[in-house]
Amino acid sequence: MSTLVEDREMASSMDCPVIDGKRQTQHVSPRTADVGGIEVNRVLPSRQRRLIGAWCFLDHAGPAVFKGEAEGLRVGPHPHIGLQTFTWMLEGKVLHRDSLGNEQIIRPGQVNLMTAGRGISHTEDSVPGETHLHAAQLWIALPDAHRQTEPRFDHYPDLPRWASQGVEHTLLTGEFAEHLAPTLAFSALVGLDLTSRQGATLTLPLREDFEYGVLSLEGELDIEGDAFAANELAYLGRGRASVTLSLPAGGHAILVGGEPLGEEILIWWNFVGHSREEIVQAQRDWEEGSERFGVIEGHDGPRLMPPPLPWAS
């Protein structure tokens, strides 16, 4: 869950400067948040960086270990509009339920993708008996032309995987190195998971019309002589033909990128919108129990409610 993001003073330049012949990389520090009883490190959105392509939200959850049956992820019914929720599971199992009637357990190495469109609600819970959780949770802003699309849910258990330069690659979405992911997308973007057991240095080809970011999930990451701690986002900007990364033994990172969205978006609570008016209406509809967000069968807990709107309604 998010909060208001509408600060016009946030860094918005997509062109990292070149100093002494070297392209600079922006450091984006994480902040901690609690989601369903799990502490997460959040790097998007922030005052330093709002978007990377259409990627508008990035949480790194865990690694977490649960000590008792009462512990685990518990995210009650809540709504979304104008986005896709993108869950990349690394360890543990989580049960997704939504107002379309979908029930799906996501396991390590799989992606759950929920397209909210005009409106959907869902829950996320650790599977009973599960003792671990490690995942990346991302949101993708839907372009204005698709923001009212019909809601849907897709599960991707099989994704392109290959080894190169001492690193295991998993393509989560988009195209990369002649591989194509099956993941549904409404804008040009890419997501790539990188894991190195022994440690390695690799050079990745990039599209100069895309902007990119790299988040270290485990271990310190070196980007062309610039060190990034785990949970610190490296914003690469656009205009690069390639980037060289060094991962330590056991290192794990995720690369996200995309064509700049070119549209102003607002993020408030669990809503992504293109105007205050549509977010205000979505919040009213959820608070009033509108049929717009449906009902989630099989969940008997209370619905999550948003904080008061920051604008006059």
Protein backbone atom coordinates (compact mmCIF):
# COMPACT_ATOMS: atom_id res chain seq x y z
CA MET A 1 0.00 0.00 0.00
CA SER A 2 1.20 3.44 -0.86
CA THR A 3 0.65 7.06 0.07
CA LEU A 4 0.30 10.29 -1.86
CA VAL A 5 2.86 10.94 -4.57
CA GLU A 6 2.34 14.34 -6.16
CA ASP A 7 5.46 16.31 -5.25
CA ARG A 8 6.50 18.37 -8.26
CA GLU A 9 9.96 18.86 -6.69
CA MET A 10 10.79 15.18 -7.05
CA ALA A 11 13.69 14.39 -9.33
CA SER A 12 12.21 13.83 -12.77
CA SER A 13 15.19 14.02 -15.13
CA MET A 14 15.75 10.79 -17.03
CA ASP A 15 19.21 11.80 -18.22
CA CYS A 16 21.92 11.04 -15.66
CA PRO A 17 24.81 13.49 -16.19
CA VAL A 18 28.19 12.64 -17.67
CA ILE A 19 31.09 13.86 -15.50
CA ASP A 20 34.71 13.48 -16.63
CA GLY A 21 33.50 11.20 -19.40
CA LYS A 22 31.62 8.85 -17.04
CA ARG A 23 27.84 8.44 -16.95
CA GLN A 24 26.62 8.98 -13.39
CA THR A 25 24.17 6.73 -11.57
CA GLN A 26 21.62 8.04 -9.08
CA HIS A 27 21.48 6.48 -5.60
CA VAL A 28 17.89 6.07 -4.35
CA SER A 29 17.71 5.20 -0.66
CA PRO A 30 15.00 2.82 0.62
CA ARG A 31 12.52 3.56 3.36
CA THR A 32 10.88 0.91 5.49
CA ALA A 33 7.15 0.25 5.59
CA ASP A 34 4.87 -2.41 7.06
CA VAL A 35 2.72 -4.40 4.65
CA GLY A 36 0.50 -7.07 6.16
CA GLY A 37 2.79 -7.56 9.13
CA ILE A 38 5.97 -7.82 7.02
CA GLU A 39 8.65 -5.12 6.99
CA VAL A 40 9.51 -4.09 3.46
CA ASN A 41 12.11 -1.83 1.88
CA ARG A 42 10.45 0.63 -0.55
CA VAL A 43 12.42 2.45 -3.24
CA LEU A 44 9.61 3.52 -5.59
CA PRO A 45 7.96 5.94 -5.41
CA SER A 46 10.20 8.35 -3.54
CA ARG A 47 11.19 11.99 -3.58
CA GLN A 48 14.31 10.97 -5.47
CA ARG A 49 12.55 8.99 -8.19
CA ARG A 50 8.89 8.64 -9.13
CA LEU A 51 8.88 6.33 -12.13
CA ILE A 52 11.10 4.04 -14.17
CA GLY A 53 9.21 3.62 -17.41
CA ALA A 54 5.72 2.60 -16.28
CA TRP A 55 7.09 0.97 -13.09
CA CYS A 56 5.69 3.17 -10.31
CA PHE A 57 6.15 1.08 -7.15
CA LEU A 58 8.82 -1.30 -5.88
CA ASP A 59 8.88 -3.05 -2.53
CA HIS A 60 11.42 -5.65 -1.44
CA ALA A 61 9.79 -7.90 1.17
CA GLY A 62 12.01 -10.07 3.33
CA PRO A 63 13.77 -12.36 3.55
CA ALA A 64 11.50 -12.99 6.55
CA VAL A 65 11.21 -16.00 8.84
CA PHE A 66 7.99 -16.65 10.78
CA LYS A 67 8.27 -18.18 14.24
CA GLY A 68 4.66 -19.09 14.95
CA GLU A 69 1.42 -20.02 13.20
CA ALA A 70 0.00 -16.58 13.88
CA GLU A 71 2.82 -14.91 11.98
CA GLY A 72 3.06 -14.40 8.25
CA LEU A 73 1.77 -12.10 5.55
CA ARG A 74 -1.83 -11.01 6.08
CA VAL A 75 -3.14 -8.34 3.72
CA GLY A 76 -6.91 -7.95 4.00
CA PRO A 77 -9.33 -6.97 1.22
CA HIS A 78 -8.26 -3.76 -0.49
CA PRO A 79 -8.94 -2.16 -3.89
CA HIS A 80 -6.84 -1.05 -6.87
CA ILE A 81 -7.43 1.01 -10.00
CA GLY A 82 -5.24 2.10 -12.90
CA LEU A 83 -2.35 -0.33 -12.40
CA GLN A 84 -1.01 -3.85 -12.59
CA THR A 85 0.28 -5.49 -9.40
CA PHE A 86 3.35 -7.60 -10.20
CA THR A 87 4.58 -10.12 -7.61
CA TRP A 88 7.90 -11.96 -8.15
CA MET A 89 8.20 -14.70 -5.54
CA LEU A 90 11.67 -15.73 -4.36
CA GLU A 91 10.95 -17.81 -1.26
CA GLY A 92 7.78 -19.02 0.44
CA LYS A 93 4.21 -19.32 -0.81
CA VAL A 94 1.40 -16.75 -0.81
CA LEU A 95 -2.29 -17.20 -1.61
CA HIS A 96 -3.91 -14.58 -3.83
CA ARG A 97 -7.72 -14.17 -3.85
CA ASP A 98 -9.59 -11.51 -5.80
CA SER A 99 -13.07 -10.19 -6.52
CA LEU A 100 -13.13 -11.96 -9.92
CA GLY A 101 -13.12 -15.30 -8.08
CA ASN A 102 -9.47 -16.18 -8.70
CA GLU A 103 -7.52 -18.16 -6.10
CA GLN A 104 -3.86 -18.78 -6.85
CA ILE A 105 -0.88 -19.85 -4.76
CA ILE A 106 2.32 -18.24 -6.00
CA ARG A 107 5.53 -20.20 -5.50
CA PRO A 108 9.22 -19.30 -5.87
CA GLY A 109 10.21 -18.50 -9.44
CA GLN A 110 6.69 -17.48 -10.45
CA VAL A 111 4.93 -14.19 -11.24
CA ASN A 112 1.40 -13.16 -10.27
CA LEU A 113 0.08 -10.27 -12.37
CA MET A 114 -3.21 -8.59 -11.52
CA THR A 115 -4.53 -5.95 -13.91
CA ALA A 116 -6.78 -3.63 -11.91
CA GLY A 117 -8.04 -1.47 -14.78
CA ARG A 118 -11.32 0.19 -13.78
CA GLY A 119 -11.35 -1.60 -10.43
CA ILE A 120 -10.64 -4.83 -8.54
CA SER A 121 -10.03 -5.92 -4.94
CA HIS A 122 -7.87 -8.73 -3.56
CA THR A 123 -6.19 -10.29 -0.53
CA GLU A 124 -2.74 -11.78 0.01
CA ASP A 125 -1.96 -14.31 2.75
CA SER A 126 0.87 -16.63 3.62
CA VAL A 127 -0.07 -20.27 3.10
CA PRO A 128 -0.71 -22.07 6.44
CA GLY A 129 2.47 -23.69 7.73
CA GLU A 130 4.71 -21.48 5.57
CA THR A 131 7.70 -20.19 7.55
CA HIS A 132 9.49 -17.95 5.01
CA LEU A 133 8.74 -15.07 2.68
CA HIS A 134 10.96 -13.27 0.20
CA ALA A 135 9.47 -11.37 -2.74
CA ALA A 136 9.56 -8.27 -4.88
CA GLN A 137 6.23 -6.47 -5.20
CA LEU A 138 5.93 -3.98 -8.04
CA TRP A 139 3.22 -1.87 -9.63
CA ILE A 140 2.98 -0.90 -13.27
CA ALA A 141 1.00 2.25 -14.09
CA LEU A 142 -1.48 1.69 -16.89
CA PRO A 143 -1.26 4.29 -19.66
CA ASP A 144 -4.21 6.65 -19.83
CA ALA A 145 -5.58 4.85 -22.89
CA HIS A 146 -5.82 1.58 -20.91
CA ARG A 147 -6.66 2.78 -17.41
CA GLN A 148 -10.33 1.70 -17.70
CA THR A 149 -9.55 -1.75 -19.10
CA GLU A 150 -11.45 -4.74 -17.73
CA PRO A 151 -9.79 -6.22 -14.63
CA ARG A 152 -8.10 -9.61 -14.94
CA PHE A 153 -5.62 -11.91 -13.23
CA ASP A 154 -2.75 -13.89 -14.82
CA HIS A 155 -0.34 -16.39 -13.31
CA TYR A 156 3.04 -17.16 -14.93
CA PRO A 157 4.73 -20.32 -13.57
CA ASP A 158 7.11 -20.64 -16.53
CA LEU A 159 9.41 -17.80 -17.58
CA PRO A 160 12.45 -17.62 -19.88
CA ARG A 161 15.63 -18.63 -18.02
CA TRP A 162 19.23 -18.83 -19.20
CA ALA A 163 22.81 -18.58 -17.96
CA SER A 164 25.31 -16.05 -19.27
CA GLN A 165 28.57 -14.54 -17.98
CA GLY A 166 28.33 -16.54 -14.75
CA VAL A 167 24.85 -15.23 -13.93
CA GLU A 168 21.42 -16.92 -13.97
CA HIS A 169 18.89 -14.75 -15.83
CA THR A 170 15.10 -14.92 -15.51
CA LEU A 171 13.08 -12.68 -17.79
CA LEU A 172 10.03 -11.50 -15.84
CA THR A 173 8.44 -9.33 -18.51
CA GLY A 174 9.28 -7.81 -21.88
CA GLU A 175 12.12 -8.68 -24.27
CA PHE A 176 15.81 -9.12 -23.53
CA ALA A 177 18.72 -10.82 -25.33
CA GLU A 178 16.44 -12.44 -27.91
CA HIS A 179 14.15 -13.81 -25.19
CA LEU A 180 10.48 -12.86 -24.86
CA ALA A 181 8.44 -13.21 -21.66
CA PRO A 182 4.75 -14.18 -21.93
CA THR A 183 3.74 -11.56 -19.36
CA LEU A 184 0.88 -9.23 -20.31
CA ALA A 185 2.02 -5.63 -20.76
CA PHE A 186 0.30 -2.40 -21.82
CA SER A 187 3.52 -0.40 -22.37
CA ALA A 188 7.09 -1.11 -23.48
CA LEU A 189 9.00 -2.36 -20.42
CA VAL A 190 11.35 -5.03 -19.13
CA GLY A 191 12.01 -6.87 -15.87
CA LEU A 192 15.03 -9.15 -15.41
CA ASP A 193 16.15 -11.16 -12.36
CA LEU A 194 19.92 -11.74 -11.97
CA THR A 195 21.49 -14.29 -9.60
CA SER A 196 25.14 -15.30 -9.19
CA ARG A 197 26.20 -18.19 -6.97
CA GLN A 198 29.94 -17.69 -7.32
CA GLY A 199 30.04 -13.97 -8.04
CA ALA A 200 30.48 -12.48 -11.50
CA THR A 201 30.90 -9.36 -13.58
CA LEU A 202 28.59 -9.06 -16.57
CA THR A 203 27.74 -6.50 -19.20
CA LEU A 204 24.07 -6.08 -20.12
CA PRO A 205 22.94 -4.52 -23.40
CA LEU A 206 20.40 -1.74 -22.92
CA ARG A 207 17.97 0.15 -25.12
CA GLU A 208 18.93 3.81 -25.26
CA ASP A 209 15.27 4.90 -25.46
CA PHE A 210 14.49 3.08 -22.18
CA GLU A 211 15.24 4.31 -18.67
CA TYR A 212 16.50 1.68 -16.21
CA GLY A 213 17.02 0.94 -12.55
CA VAL A 214 18.77 -1.91 -10.71
CA LEU A 215 17.90 -3.00 -7.17
CA SER A 216 20.21 -5.30 -5.21
CA LEU A 217 18.09 -7.86 -3.35
CA GLU A 218 21.06 -9.62 -1.73
CA GLY A 219 24.66 -8.47 -1.48
CA GLU A 220 26.46 -5.28 -2.43
CA LEU A 221 26.24 -4.42 -6.11
CA ASP A 222 29.00 -2.65 -8.04
CA ILE A 223 28.01 -0.66 -11.12
CA GLU A 224 31.08 0.49 -13.04
CA GLY A 225 32.97 1.33 -9.86
CA ASP A 226 29.99 2.71 -7.93
CA ALA A 227 28.92 0.62 -4.90
CA PHE A 228 25.26 0.06 -3.99
CA ALA A 229 24.15 -1.63 -0.78
CA ALA A 230 21.35 -4.18 -0.66
CA ASN A 231 17.97 -2.44 -0.98
CA GLU A 232 19.52 0.67 -2.53
CA LEU A 233 18.19 1.44 -6.01
CA ALA A 234 20.60 2.41 -8.77
CA TYR A 235 18.86 4.65 -11.29
CA LEU A 236 20.70 4.39 -14.61
CA GLY A 237 18.54 6.83 -16.56
CA ARG A 238 18.27 6.56 -20.33
CA GLY A 239 20.73 6.94 -23.19
CA ARG A 240 22.96 3.98 -22.23
CA ALA A 241 23.79 1.26 -24.73
CA SER A 242 25.05 -1.06 -21.97
CA VAL A 243 25.91 -1.31 -18.28
CA THR A 244 28.48 -3.43 -16.42
CA LEU A 245 27.48 -4.96 -13.07
CA SER A 246 29.51 -6.92 -10.52
CA LEU A 247 27.63 -9.26 -8.18
CA PRO A 248 29.26 -10.95 -5.17
CA ALA A 249 28.93 -14.65 -4.42
CA GLY A 250 25.26 -15.18 -3.63
CA GLY A 251 24.43 -11.82 -5.18
CA HIS A 252 20.91 -11.20 -6.40
CA ALA A 253 19.51 -8.17 -8.25
CA ILE A 254 16.55 -7.12 -10.34
CA LEU A 255 16.72 -4.85 -13.40
CA VAL A 256 13.60 -2.88 -14.34
CA GLY A 257 13.23 -0.54 -17.27
CA GLY A 258 10.91 0.83 -19.85
CA GLU A 259 10.02 3.51 -22.29
CA PRO A 260 9.28 6.73 -20.35
CA LEU A 261 5.55 6.86 -19.69
CA GLY A 262 5.25 10.51 -20.68
CA GLU A 263 2.11 10.98 -18.57
CA GLU A 264 1.59 12.51 -15.15
CA ILE A 265 0.17 10.02 -12.67
CA LEU A 266 -0.95 10.26 -9.08
CA ILE A 267 -0.57 7.53 -6.47
CA TRP A 268 -2.76 7.62 -3.39
CA TRP A 269 -3.11 4.62 -1.08
CA ASN A 270 -3.77 1.69 -3.45
CA PHE A 271 -4.94 3.76 -6.39
CA VAL A 272 -3.05 4.95 -9.46
CA GLY A 273 -4.85 7.69 -11.38
CA HIS A 274 -4.43 10.39 -13.96
CA SER A 275 -6.48 12.95 -12.02
CA ARG A 276 -7.53 13.74 -8.49
CA GLU A 277 -11.15 13.29 -9.47
CA GLU A 278 -10.82 9.64 -10.42
CA ILE A 279 -8.93 8.84 -7.21
CA VAL A 280 -11.54 10.67 -5.11
CA GLN A 281 -14.29 8.68 -6.83
CA ALA A 282 -12.47 5.38 -6.34
CA GLN A 283 -12.03 6.05 -2.62
CA ARG A 284 -15.70 6.95 -2.24
CA ASP A 285 -16.74 3.81 -4.07
CA TRP A 286 -14.61 1.61 -1.80
CA GLU A 287 -15.74 3.31 1.39
CA GLU A 288 -19.40 2.99 0.37
CA GLY A 289 -19.09 -0.67 -0.60
CA SER A 290 -19.79 -0.09 -4.29
CA GLU A 291 -20.20 -3.11 -6.59
CA ARG A 292 -17.30 -1.65 -8.59
CA PHE A 293 -14.77 -3.55 -6.47
CA GLY A 294 -16.78 -6.73 -5.98
CA VAL A 295 -16.59 -9.23 -3.13
CA ILE A 296 -13.79 -11.64 -2.26
CA GLU A 297 -15.16 -15.09 -1.49
CA GLY A 298 -13.40 -17.20 1.11
CA HIS A 299 -12.04 -14.32 3.19
CA ASP A 300 -13.80 -13.49 6.46
CA GLY A 301 -11.59 -10.66 7.73
CA PRO A 302 -12.37 -6.93 7.69
CA ARG A 303 -11.76 -4.76 4.63
CA LEU A 304 -8.82 -2.36 4.77
CA MET A 305 -9.87 1.28 4.76
CA PRO A 306 -7.91 4.24 3.39
CA PRO A 307 -6.77 7.31 5.31
CA PRO A 308 -8.66 10.56 4.71
CA LEU A 309 -8.11 12.08 1.28
CA PRO A 310 -5.51 14.86 1.13
CA TRP A 311 -7.73 16.95 -1.15
CA ALA A 312 -11.14 18.50 -0.67
CA SER A 313 -13.66 16.01 -1.98
